[in-house]
Each structure stands twice: as C-alpha cells, then as structure tokens.
C-alpha atoms as a PDB file:
ATOM      1  CA  UNK A   1    -228.698  58.485  -9.028  1.00  0.00           C
ATOM      2  CA  UNK A   2    -229.629  61.850  -7.578  1.00  0.00           C
ATOM      3  CA  UNK A   3    -232.779  62.105  -5.518  1.00  0.00           C
ATOM      4  CA  UNK A   4    -234.736  65.172  -4.587  1.00  0.00           C
ATOM      5  CA  UNK A   5    -234.075  65.036  -0.878  1.00  0.00           C
ATOM      6  CA  UNK A   6    -237.133  65.488   1.284  1.00  0.00           C
ATOM      7  CA  UNK A   7    -235.744  64.301   4.577  1.00  0.00           C
ATOM      8  CA  UNK A   8    -236.866  67.497   6.273  1.00  0.00           C
ATOM      9  CA  UNK A   9    -240.499  66.642   5.532  1.00  0.00           C
ATOM     10  CA  UNK A  10    -240.215  63.209   7.091  1.00  0.00           C
ATOM     11  CA  UNK A  11    -242.124  62.835  10.360  1.00  0.00           C
ATOM     12  CA  UNK A  12    -239.143  60.900  11.704  1.00  0.00           C
ATOM     13  CA  UNK A  13    -236.741  63.798  11.182  1.00  0.00           C
ATOM     14  CA  UNK A  14    -237.532  65.491  14.504  1.00  0.00           C
ATOM     15  CA  UNK A  15    -236.631  62.298  16.403  1.00  0.00           C
ATOM     16  CA  UNK A  16    -233.059  62.257  15.105  1.00  0.00           C
ATOM     17  CA  UNK A  17    -229.934  63.672  16.724  1.00  0.00           C
ATOM     18  CA  UNK A  18    -227.749  66.111  14.793  1.00  0.00           C
ATOM     19  CA  UNK A  19    -225.213  63.422  13.937  1.00  0.00           C
ATOM     20  CA  UNK A  20    -227.977  61.032  12.800  1.00  0.00           C
ATOM     21  CA  UNK A  21    -229.402  63.753  10.548  1.00  0.00           C
ATOM     22  CA  UNK A  22    -225.954  64.370   9.065  1.00  0.00           C
ATOM     23  CA  UNK A  23    -225.412  60.660   8.387  1.00  0.00           C
ATOM     24  CA  UNK A  24    -228.881  60.284   6.822  1.00  0.00           C
ATOM     25  CA  UNK A  25    -228.217  63.260   4.543  1.00  0.00           C
ATOM     26  CA  UNK A  26    -224.906  61.755   3.470  1.00  0.00           C
ATOM     27  CA  UNK A  27    -226.437  58.327   2.830  1.00  0.00           C
ATOM     28  CA  UNK A  28    -229.367  59.779   0.864  1.00  0.00           C
ATOM     29  CA  UNK A  29    -226.865  61.546  -1.392  1.00  0.00           C
ATOM     30  CA  UNK A  30    -225.168  58.171  -2.047  1.00  0.00           C
ATOM     31  CA  UNK A  31    -228.339  56.137  -2.629  1.00  0.00           C
ATOM     32  CA  UNK A  32    -228.800  54.228  -5.863  1.00  0.00           C
ATOM     33  CA  UNK A  33    -232.051  53.537  -7.734  1.00  0.00           C
ATOM     34  CA  UNK A  34    -233.019  50.973  -5.073  1.00  0.00           C
ATOM     35  CA  UNK A  35    -232.709  53.717  -2.438  1.00  0.00           C
ATOM     36  CA  UNK A  36    -229.893  51.864  -0.709  1.00  0.00           C
ATOM     37  CA  UNK A  37    -226.156  52.374  -0.335  1.00  0.00           C
ATOM     38  CA  UNK A  38    -223.268  50.600   1.349  1.00  0.00           C
ATOM     39  CA  UNK A  39    -220.350  52.911   2.209  1.00  0.00           C
ATOM     40  CA  UNK A  40    -217.917  52.079   4.991  1.00  0.00           C
ATOM     41  CA  UNK A  41    -218.165  54.040   8.235  1.00  0.00           C
ATOM     42  CA  UNK A  42    -214.643  55.303   7.592  1.00  0.00           C
ATOM     43  CA  UNK A  43    -215.718  56.675   4.191  1.00  0.00           C
ATOM     44  CA  UNK A  44    -218.756  58.460   5.635  1.00  0.00           C
ATOM     45  CA  UNK A  45    -216.624  59.934   8.432  1.00  0.00           C
ATOM     46  CA  UNK A  46    -213.974  61.172   6.018  1.00  0.00           C
ATOM     47  CA  UNK A  47    -216.533  62.761   3.679  1.00  0.00           C
ATOM     48  CA  UNK A  48    -218.243  64.538   6.545  1.00  0.00           C
ATOM     49  CA  UNK A  49    -215.122  65.431   8.563  1.00  0.00           C
ATOM     50  CA  UNK A  50    -216.489  63.531  11.560  1.00  0.00           C
ATOM     51  CA  UNK A  51    -214.806  60.989  13.795  1.00  0.00           C
ATOM     52  CA  UNK A  52    -215.647  57.400  12.834  1.00  0.00           C
ATOM     53  CA  UNK A  53    -216.977  56.768  16.365  1.00  0.00           C
ATOM     54  CA  UNK A  54    -219.503  59.597  15.895  1.00  0.00           C
ATOM     55  CA  UNK A  55    -220.682  58.041  12.628  1.00  0.00           C
ATOM     56  CA  UNK A  56    -220.831  54.566  14.186  1.00  0.00           C
ATOM     57  CA  UNK A  57    -222.905  55.893  17.104  1.00  0.00           C
ATOM     58  CA  UNK A  58    -225.270  57.656  14.694  1.00  0.00           C
ATOM     59  CA  UNK A  59    -225.715  54.484  12.628  1.00  0.00           C
ATOM     60  CA  UNK A  60    -226.330  52.472  15.787  1.00  0.00           C
ATOM     61  CA  UNK A  61    -228.988  54.988  16.880  1.00  0.00           C
ATOM     62  CA  UNK A  62    -230.649  54.910  13.472  1.00  0.00           C
ATOM     63  CA  UNK A  63    -230.641  51.090  13.513  1.00  0.00           C
ATOM     64  CA  UNK A  64    -232.313  51.058  16.931  1.00  0.00           C
ATOM     65  CA  UNK A  65    -234.997  53.553  15.868  1.00  0.00           C
ATOM     66  CA  UNK A  66    -235.560  51.971  12.447  1.00  0.00           C
ATOM     67  CA  UNK A  67    -234.661  48.246  12.411  1.00  0.00           C
ATOM     68  CA  UNK A  68    -235.038  48.043   8.613  1.00  0.00           C
ATOM     69  CA  UNK A  69    -232.408  50.787   8.134  1.00  0.00           C
ATOM     70  CA  UNK A  70    -229.347  48.533   8.308  1.00  0.00           C
ATOM     71  CA  UNK A  71    -228.848  44.989   7.053  1.00  0.00           C
ATOM     72  CA  UNK A  72    -225.658  43.032   6.821  1.00  0.00           C
ATOM     73  CA  UNK A  73    -224.373  41.614   3.547  1.00  0.00           C
ATOM     74  CA  UNK A  74    -222.562  38.326   3.736  1.00  0.00           C
ATOM     75  CA  UNK A  75    -218.808  38.798   4.242  1.00  0.00           C
ATOM     76  CA  UNK A  76    -218.877  42.483   3.364  1.00  0.00           C
ATOM     77  CA  UNK A  77    -220.216  45.886   4.405  1.00  0.00           C
ATOM     78  CA  UNK A  78    -223.664  46.833   5.639  1.00  0.00           C
ATOM     79  CA  UNK A  79    -226.477  47.984   3.372  1.00  0.00           C
ATOM     80  CA  UNK A  80    -228.318  51.124   4.445  1.00  0.00           C
ATOM     81  CA  UNK A  81    -231.933  51.495   3.332  1.00  0.00           C
ATOM     82  CA  UNK A  82    -232.761  55.207   3.094  1.00  0.00           C
ATOM     83  CA  UNK A  83    -236.126  54.828   1.341  1.00  0.00           C
ATOM     84  CA  UNK A  84    -237.788  56.222   4.477  1.00  0.00           C
ATOM     85  CA  UNK A  85    -236.245  59.621   3.685  1.00  0.00           C
ATOM     86  CA  UNK A  86    -236.649  59.661  -0.110  1.00  0.00           C
ATOM     87  CA  UNK A  87    -239.966  60.540  -1.766  1.00  0.00           C
ATOM     88  CA  UNK A  88    -241.814  57.837  -3.649  1.00  0.00           C
ATOM     89  CA  UNK A  89    -241.606  57.713  -7.443  1.00  0.00           C
ATOM     90  CA  UNK A  90    -244.577  60.075  -7.793  1.00  0.00           C
ATOM     91  CA  UNK A  91    -242.827  62.810  -5.804  1.00  0.00           C
ATOM     92  CA  UNK A  92    -245.005  62.185  -2.742  1.00  0.00           C
ATOM     93  CA  UNK A  93    -243.982  61.862   0.847  1.00  0.00           C
ATOM     94  CA  UNK A  94    -241.163  59.541   1.922  1.00  0.00           C
ATOM     95  CA  UNK A  95    -242.046  55.888   2.179  1.00  0.00           C
ATOM     96  CA  UNK A  96    -242.106  54.784   5.844  1.00  0.00           C
ATOM     97  CA  UNK A  97    -242.308  51.115   4.896  1.00  0.00           C
ATOM     98  CA  UNK A  98    -241.111  48.456   7.281  1.00  0.00           C
ATOM     99  CA  UNK A  99    -239.095  45.421   6.306  1.00  0.00           C
ATOM    100  CA  UNK A 100    -236.117  44.536   4.158  1.00  0.00           C
ATOM    101  CA  UNK A 101    -235.783  44.449   0.423  1.00  0.00           C
ATOM    102  CA  UNK A 102    -235.837  40.668   0.128  1.00  0.00           C
ATOM    103  CA  UNK A 103    -232.479  40.805  -1.612  1.00  0.00           C
ATOM    104  CA  UNK A 104    -230.888  37.319  -1.657  1.00  0.00           C
ATOM    105  CA  UNK A 105    -227.428  38.883  -1.168  1.00  0.00           C
ATOM    106  CA  UNK A 106    -228.507  40.200   2.223  1.00  0.00           C
ATOM    107  CA  UNK A 107    -228.119  38.324   5.469  1.00  0.00           C
ATOM    108  CA  UNK A 108    -230.610  39.882   7.894  1.00  0.00           C
ATOM    109  CA  UNK A 109    -229.442  40.011  11.475  1.00  0.00           C
END
C-alpha cells in the first residue's frame, strides 16, 4: 500500500539523525495497511546502499526515542510501527499514538 508520506511535517522529524530519517523513509515506503512493516536490517541496508551497522544503529536510536516503534515477533523478525510518520485516514497530521497494536503474533519486549 502506498502512503502519502508526511514525515517532514512530523514534530519528531527534527529530533532524528540523518540515518534515522533515511530508515524511517524506507520503512514508510514499505508499510502495509496497518502502517507496519518487517524487513530485515540487511534488506534495508541493501536497498539504501548503507552498511548494516548504520541501519542497526538508526533502528536502535529510533527504538530508544519511540519505544512503540519496534516490537519483536516470536521466532522471527521485528515489526516496525511507522504510524507516527503516516497521516491518519482523513489526511491529517501523523498519529503520535503511544503503545503497540495489540497483535497476538507480537511478543513485546
């Protein structure tokens, strides 16, 4: 699903490093209708021509700034919640909600 990206309007955008902004942009472009995605760090790094350590550091920084950003799925990859940087369904400002999705497949850590 393609979203009209409005990350630049997000009040959080100014707090992010360049690599965090790049990772957020990549993840927003991958988001599904639930405004989540779950690519591997290696996949993100390859798509963006960045070293995987740079991507991992950016994801760690995003997780520290926004605890709801990353959750761990049981025995598989992480889920990234990018709803903070995607406008709501009415085209308004991004949703800065806090908390997980309540998805039973997710093991919150």
